[in-house]
């Protein structure tokens, strides 16, 4: 699987910027992504903070290690 060029904090920040009123075209140009990437990020990370995201990854890693 390809490693993302974006950090979790960058991914979480993009939908928040859109909610703040930044036009979608400007966001996609600034971050060099396309509309589909934005909508995938929005569906997966809207309303999530970086702290919650890191905790979610940690919980999944613990479950995987337990299996």
C-alpha atoms as a PDB file:
ATOM      1  CA  UNK A   1       0.000   0.000   0.000  1.00  0.00           C
ATOM      2  CA  UNK A   2       1.303   3.436  -0.889  1.00  0.00           C
ATOM      3  CA  UNK A   3       2.334   5.642   2.005  1.00  0.00           C
ATOM      4  CA  UNK A   4       0.456   8.909   2.166  1.00  0.00           C
ATOM      5  CA  UNK A   5       2.381  12.093   1.521  1.00  0.00           C
ATOM      6  CA  UNK A   6       0.152  13.871   4.017  1.00  0.00           C
ATOM      7  CA  UNK A   7       0.280  13.622   7.798  1.00  0.00           C
ATOM      8  CA  UNK A   8      -2.823  12.965   9.854  1.00  0.00           C
ATOM      9  CA  UNK A   9      -2.877  16.559  11.060  1.00  0.00           C
ATOM     10  CA  UNK A  10      -2.810  17.843   7.472  1.00  0.00           C
ATOM     11  CA  UNK A  11      -5.626  15.507   6.442  1.00  0.00           C
ATOM     12  CA  UNK A  12      -7.775  16.551   9.416  1.00  0.00           C
ATOM     13  CA  UNK A  13      -7.100  20.249   8.735  1.00  0.00           C
ATOM     14  CA  UNK A  14      -8.373  20.255   5.145  1.00  0.00           C
ATOM     15  CA  UNK A  15     -12.087  19.575   5.896  1.00  0.00           C
ATOM     16  CA  UNK A  16     -11.887  22.069   8.779  1.00  0.00           C
ATOM     17  CA  UNK A  17     -10.602  24.743   6.398  1.00  0.00           C
ATOM     18  CA  UNK A  18     -13.488  24.003   4.036  1.00  0.00           C
ATOM     19  CA  UNK A  19     -15.972  24.342   6.902  1.00  0.00           C
ATOM     20  CA  UNK A  20     -14.385  27.708   7.698  1.00  0.00           C
ATOM     21  CA  UNK A  21     -15.368  28.936   4.247  1.00  0.00           C
ATOM     22  CA  UNK A  22     -12.329  28.367   2.041  1.00  0.00           C
ATOM     23  CA  UNK A  23     -13.463  27.512  -1.510  1.00  0.00           C
ATOM     24  CA  UNK A  24     -12.921  23.897  -2.553  1.00  0.00           C
ATOM     25  CA  UNK A  25     -10.969  24.875  -5.667  1.00  0.00           C
ATOM     26  CA  UNK A  26      -8.536  26.889  -3.574  1.00  0.00           C
ATOM     27  CA  UNK A  27      -8.057  23.998  -1.133  1.00  0.00           C
ATOM     28  CA  UNK A  28      -7.361  21.460  -3.851  1.00  0.00           C
ATOM     29  CA  UNK A  29      -4.842  23.737  -5.522  1.00  0.00           C
ATOM     30  CA  UNK A  30      -3.110  24.610  -2.257  1.00  0.00           C
ATOM     31  CA  UNK A  31      -2.739  20.975  -1.166  1.00  0.00           C
ATOM     32  CA  UNK A  32      -2.231  19.633  -4.711  1.00  0.00           C
ATOM     33  CA  UNK A  33      -5.042  17.116  -4.465  1.00  0.00           C
ATOM     34  CA  UNK A  34      -8.206  16.530  -6.434  1.00  0.00           C
ATOM     35  CA  UNK A  35     -11.863  16.748  -5.509  1.00  0.00           C
ATOM     36  CA  UNK A  36     -12.187  12.991  -4.977  1.00  0.00           C
ATOM     37  CA  UNK A  37      -9.381  13.020  -2.416  1.00  0.00           C
ATOM     38  CA  UNK A  38     -11.039  15.876  -0.556  1.00  0.00           C
ATOM     39  CA  UNK A  39     -14.382  14.068  -0.411  1.00  0.00           C
ATOM     40  CA  UNK A  40     -12.698  10.862   0.805  1.00  0.00           C
ATOM     41  CA  UNK A  41     -10.938  12.806   3.542  1.00  0.00           C
ATOM     42  CA  UNK A  42     -14.156  14.608   4.446  1.00  0.00           C
ATOM     43  CA  UNK A  43     -16.103  11.377   4.786  1.00  0.00           C
ATOM     44  CA  UNK A  44     -13.434   9.777   6.909  1.00  0.00           C
ATOM     45  CA  UNK A  45     -12.090  12.638   9.002  1.00  0.00           C
ATOM     46  CA  UNK A  46     -14.828  15.245   9.391  1.00  0.00           C
ATOM     47  CA  UNK A  47     -15.277  16.179  13.032  1.00  0.00           C
ATOM     48  CA  UNK A  48     -12.190  14.251  14.156  1.00  0.00           C
ATOM     49  CA  UNK A  49      -9.349  15.897  16.028  1.00  0.00           C
ATOM     50  CA  UNK A  50      -5.739  14.814  15.640  1.00  0.00           C
ATOM     51  CA  UNK A  51      -5.738  13.523  19.215  1.00  0.00           C
ATOM     52  CA  UNK A  52      -8.767  11.306  18.544  1.00  0.00           C
ATOM     53  CA  UNK A  53      -7.200  10.077  15.308  1.00  0.00           C
ATOM     54  CA  UNK A  54      -3.960   9.054  17.022  1.00  0.00           C
ATOM     55  CA  UNK A  55      -5.925   7.261  19.739  1.00  0.00           C
ATOM     56  CA  UNK A  56      -7.915   5.395  17.096  1.00  0.00           C
ATOM     57  CA  UNK A  57      -4.704   4.217  15.404  1.00  0.00           C
ATOM     58  CA  UNK A  58      -3.241   3.176  18.758  1.00  0.00           C
ATOM     59  CA  UNK A  59      -6.348   1.152  19.593  1.00  0.00           C
ATOM     60  CA  UNK A  60      -6.211  -0.599  16.228  1.00  0.00           C
ATOM     61  CA  UNK A  61      -2.518  -1.395  16.712  1.00  0.00           C
ATOM     62  CA  UNK A  62      -3.249  -2.915  20.119  1.00  0.00           C
ATOM     63  CA  UNK A  63      -6.046  -5.047  18.686  1.00  0.00           C
ATOM     64  CA  UNK A  64      -3.802  -6.224  15.876  1.00  0.00           C
ATOM     65  CA  UNK A  65      -1.016  -7.093  18.326  1.00  0.00           C
ATOM     66  CA  UNK A  66      -3.465  -9.026  20.494  1.00  0.00           C
ATOM     67  CA  UNK A  67      -4.617 -11.128  17.550  1.00  0.00           C
END
